[in-house]
Amino acid sequence: MSYAIIGFGKFGQALARAFARSGIEVSVATTRDPESFASAAAAIGPAIVPKKLAEAVKADVIFLAVRFESHPDVAKALSSWQGKIIVDVTNAYGVPLEALGEPSSAKVVARAFAGARLVKGFNHLPAAVFEQDPAVSGGRRVVFLASDDGDAAAEVGALAENLGFSAIQLGGLSEGGLLVQASGNSWGHLIFKDLIKFD
């Protein structure tokens, strides 16, 4: 299984640190030349591999860590997303519901990446919290996942566990997905909830 993070802002870098902590290789890309962020990637660790966008999107599992408004530009990077897993880390805060066209921002993203298996998740905490070690006082920091594809959600859940988190499945995008999304000027009920699960 190969992994990529598209977007290397604060949250993209926080995700990269999670991969580096676990020693799992991940490609990172933006719309810029990889040389422009190679030193920042190297500072995180050798498992973080800068690539051109066209190369990074060949990965099996792709974390979409760009501004919500930028997701259509990323979707143009590949002619077919068939079978790939897209982890939607975006938040549509400030985007009015009437502009979205429906309550679920994740479904809007899913339409742009036609053929992909979309999982909404890893987006409910600020980067400064998410980038911390997920092992806390004998427990593990929670990440929430929602998807209309149970198998894809299970695969991303297993990855989350390998990254040191505890994954909680919320169900489909129209139910659980709304708990971890922002749109208009409102936040889903689970956004900013920093929870620790004890086994």
Protein backbone atom coordinates (compact mmCIF):
# COMPACT_ATOMS: atom_id res chain seq x y z
CA MET A 1 0.00 0.00 0.00
CA SER A 2 1.41 3.41 -0.96
CA TYR A 3 0.44 6.74 0.60
CA ALA A 4 0.49 10.40 -0.40
CA ILE A 5 -0.41 13.72 1.19
CA ILE A 6 -1.55 16.44 -1.20
CA GLY A 7 -1.06 19.81 0.46
CA PHE A 8 1.89 20.71 2.65
CA GLY A 9 0.53 23.53 4.78
CA LYS A 10 0.19 23.26 8.55
CA PHE A 11 -2.09 20.24 8.46
CA GLY A 12 -0.27 18.48 5.64
CA GLN A 13 2.92 18.78 7.66
CA ALA A 14 1.14 17.56 10.81
CA LEU A 15 0.02 14.46 8.88
CA ALA A 16 3.56 13.99 7.59
CA ARG A 17 4.86 14.03 11.18
CA ALA A 18 2.42 11.25 12.07
CA PHE A 19 3.81 9.12 9.23
CA ALA A 20 7.40 9.96 10.19
CA ARG A 21 6.81 8.97 13.83
CA SER A 22 5.63 5.56 12.67
CA GLY A 23 8.34 5.16 10.03
CA ILE A 24 5.76 4.80 7.24
CA GLU A 25 6.88 6.28 3.93
CA VAL A 26 4.56 8.87 2.41
CA SER A 27 4.84 11.08 -0.68
CA VAL A 28 4.04 14.76 -0.25
CA ALA A 29 3.07 17.10 -3.05
CA THR A 30 1.57 20.49 -3.80
CA THR A 31 0.93 22.33 -7.04
CA ARG A 32 4.45 23.77 -6.62
CA ASP A 33 7.76 22.21 -7.62
CA PRO A 34 8.85 19.70 -4.95
CA GLU A 35 12.22 21.46 -4.57
CA SER A 36 10.36 24.40 -3.02
CA PHE A 37 9.38 22.35 0.06
CA ALA A 38 12.07 19.65 0.04
CA SER A 39 13.94 21.14 3.01
CA ALA A 40 10.73 21.26 5.11
CA ALA A 41 10.03 17.62 4.24
CA ALA A 42 13.61 16.59 5.07
CA ALA A 43 13.32 18.32 8.45
CA ILE A 44 10.37 16.06 9.32
CA GLY A 45 12.18 12.84 8.42
CA PRO A 46 13.50 10.52 5.71
CA ALA A 47 10.11 8.78 5.30
CA ILE A 48 8.67 12.03 3.85
CA VAL A 49 9.29 12.04 0.09
CA PRO A 50 8.60 15.24 -1.92
CA LYS A 51 7.16 14.53 -5.37
CA LYS A 52 5.48 16.28 -8.24
CA LEU A 53 1.68 16.21 -7.99
CA ALA A 54 1.38 13.95 -11.06
CA GLU A 55 3.62 11.37 -9.38
CA ALA A 56 2.13 11.59 -5.87
CA VAL A 57 -1.42 10.90 -7.05
CA LYS A 58 -0.33 7.44 -8.23
CA ALA A 59 -0.46 6.33 -4.56
CA ASP A 60 -3.15 3.91 -3.37
CA VAL A 61 -4.31 6.12 -0.47
CA ILE A 62 -4.27 9.89 -0.90
CA PHE A 63 -4.83 12.40 1.87
CA LEU A 64 -6.43 15.56 0.49
CA ALA A 65 -5.07 18.25 2.82
CA VAL A 66 -5.70 21.33 0.69
CA ARG A 67 -8.18 24.16 1.02
CA PHE A 68 -11.67 22.92 0.16
CA GLU A 69 -11.82 25.38 -2.74
CA SER A 70 -8.68 23.79 -4.25
CA HIS A 71 -9.95 20.21 -4.46
CA PRO A 72 -11.19 20.51 -8.09
CA ASP A 73 -7.65 21.51 -9.17
CA VAL A 74 -6.18 18.39 -7.54
CA ALA A 75 -8.89 16.23 -9.15
CA LYS A 76 -7.59 17.30 -12.59
CA ALA A 77 -4.18 15.75 -11.85
CA LEU A 78 -5.34 12.26 -12.84
CA SER A 79 -7.64 11.11 -15.64
CA SER A 80 -9.09 8.26 -13.56
CA TRP A 81 -9.32 7.90 -9.78
CA GLN A 82 -10.91 4.46 -10.06
CA GLY A 83 -10.24 2.30 -7.01
CA LYS A 84 -8.09 4.82 -5.14
CA ILE A 85 -8.92 5.82 -1.58
CA ILE A 86 -9.21 9.57 -1.03
CA VAL A 87 -9.11 10.71 2.60
CA ASP A 88 -10.93 14.05 2.65
CA VAL A 89 -9.19 16.21 5.25
CA THR A 90 -10.72 19.44 3.92
CA ASN A 91 -13.08 21.76 5.78
CA ALA A 92 -15.57 23.91 3.88
CA TYR A 93 -15.78 26.58 6.58
CA GLY A 94 -16.91 29.84 4.99
CA VAL A 95 -18.46 28.07 1.98
CA PRO A 96 -22.24 28.67 2.14
CA LEU A 97 -24.52 25.62 1.96
CA GLU A 98 -26.17 27.02 -1.17
CA ALA A 99 -22.72 27.09 -2.85
CA LEU A 100 -22.10 23.48 -1.81
CA GLY A 101 -25.45 22.44 -3.26
CA GLU A 102 -26.01 19.83 -0.54
CA PRO A 103 -25.34 19.34 3.19
CA SER A 104 -22.30 17.05 2.80
CA SER A 105 -19.09 18.75 1.66
CA ALA A 106 -17.48 15.29 1.45
CA LYS A 107 -20.01 14.23 -1.20
CA VAL A 108 -19.04 17.31 -3.22
CA VAL A 109 -15.40 16.22 -3.00
CA ALA A 110 -16.36 12.62 -3.88
CA ARG A 111 -18.03 13.80 -7.09
CA ALA A 112 -14.84 15.59 -8.15
CA PHE A 113 -12.83 12.39 -7.62
CA ALA A 114 -15.23 10.14 -9.53
CA GLY A 115 -14.45 6.47 -9.13
CA ALA A 116 -12.45 6.94 -5.92
CA ARG A 117 -13.54 5.52 -2.55
CA LEU A 118 -13.86 8.53 -0.27
CA VAL A 119 -13.33 8.58 3.48
CA LYS A 120 -13.93 11.77 5.47
CA GLY A 121 -11.59 12.04 8.43
CA PHE A 122 -8.44 13.28 10.16
CA ASN A 123 -9.86 16.81 9.95
CA HIS A 124 -11.54 17.49 13.29
CA LEU A 125 -8.51 18.78 15.22
CA PRO A 126 -6.30 21.83 14.67
CA ALA A 127 -2.86 21.02 13.24
CA ALA A 128 -1.12 22.06 16.46
CA VAL A 129 -3.04 19.38 18.38
CA PHE A 130 -3.02 16.72 15.68
CA GLU A 131 0.76 16.85 15.21
CA GLN A 132 1.39 15.90 18.85
CA ASP A 133 2.19 12.31 19.82
CA PRO A 134 -1.18 10.49 19.77
CA ALA A 135 -0.15 8.38 22.78
CA VAL A 136 -1.60 10.32 25.74
CA SER A 137 -1.58 9.15 29.37
CA GLY A 138 -1.83 5.49 28.43
CA GLY A 139 -4.51 6.08 25.80
CA ARG A 140 -4.59 7.08 22.13
CA ARG A 141 -5.93 10.22 20.51
CA VAL A 142 -9.12 9.61 18.53
CA VAL A 143 -9.60 10.24 14.82
CA PHE A 144 -13.12 10.05 13.38
CA LEU A 145 -13.85 8.45 10.01
CA ALA A 146 -16.99 8.49 7.86
CA SER A 147 -17.55 6.84 4.50
CA ASP A 148 -20.18 5.28 2.27
CA ASP A 149 -17.62 2.54 1.53
CA GLY A 150 -17.17 0.33 4.59
CA ASP A 151 -14.10 -1.45 3.21
CA ALA A 152 -12.31 1.84 2.48
CA ALA A 153 -13.18 3.12 5.96
CA ALA A 154 -11.77 -0.08 7.48
CA GLU A 155 -8.52 0.28 5.50
CA VAL A 156 -8.08 3.90 6.58
CA GLY A 157 -8.99 2.90 10.13
CA ALA A 158 -6.21 0.29 10.12
CA LEU A 159 -3.77 2.93 8.86
CA ALA A 160 -4.88 5.32 11.61
CA GLU A 161 -4.15 2.62 14.19
CA ASN A 162 -0.71 2.04 12.62
CA LEU A 163 -0.09 5.79 12.97
CA GLY A 164 -0.83 5.47 16.69
CA PHE A 165 -4.38 6.83 16.74
CA SER A 166 -7.64 5.20 17.75
CA ALA A 167 -10.10 5.23 14.85
CA ILE A 168 -13.82 5.62 15.51
CA GLN A 169 -16.15 4.88 12.59
CA LEU A 170 -19.10 7.27 12.33
CA GLY A 171 -21.01 5.62 9.49
CA GLY A 172 -21.95 7.18 6.15
CA LEU A 173 -21.15 10.64 4.78
CA SER A 174 -24.75 11.86 5.15
CA GLU A 175 -24.83 10.90 8.83
CA GLY A 176 -21.43 10.67 10.52
CA GLY A 177 -19.75 12.83 7.93
CA LEU A 178 -21.80 15.84 8.96
CA LEU A 179 -20.43 15.54 12.52
CA VAL A 180 -16.88 16.22 11.32
CA GLN A 181 -17.36 18.85 8.66
CA ALA A 182 -17.49 22.60 8.56
CA SER A 183 -19.66 24.58 6.16
CA GLY A 184 -20.98 28.09 6.08
CA ASN A 185 -20.15 29.55 9.47
CA SER A 186 -20.83 26.41 11.51
CA TRP A 187 -18.80 23.44 12.70
CA GLY A 188 -19.92 19.82 13.05
CA HIS A 189 -20.55 18.64 16.61
CA LEU A 190 -17.31 16.62 16.80
CA ILE A 191 -15.02 19.29 15.36
CA PHE A 192 -12.38 20.38 17.94
CA LYS A 193 -13.31 17.52 20.33
CA ASP A 194 -9.91 16.22 21.44
CA LEU A 195 -10.78 12.76 22.77
CA ILE A 196 -8.52 10.02 24.11
CA LYS A 197 -9.55 6.36 24.00
CA PHE A 198 -8.29 3.91 26.60
CA ASP A 199 -8.17 0.23 25.71
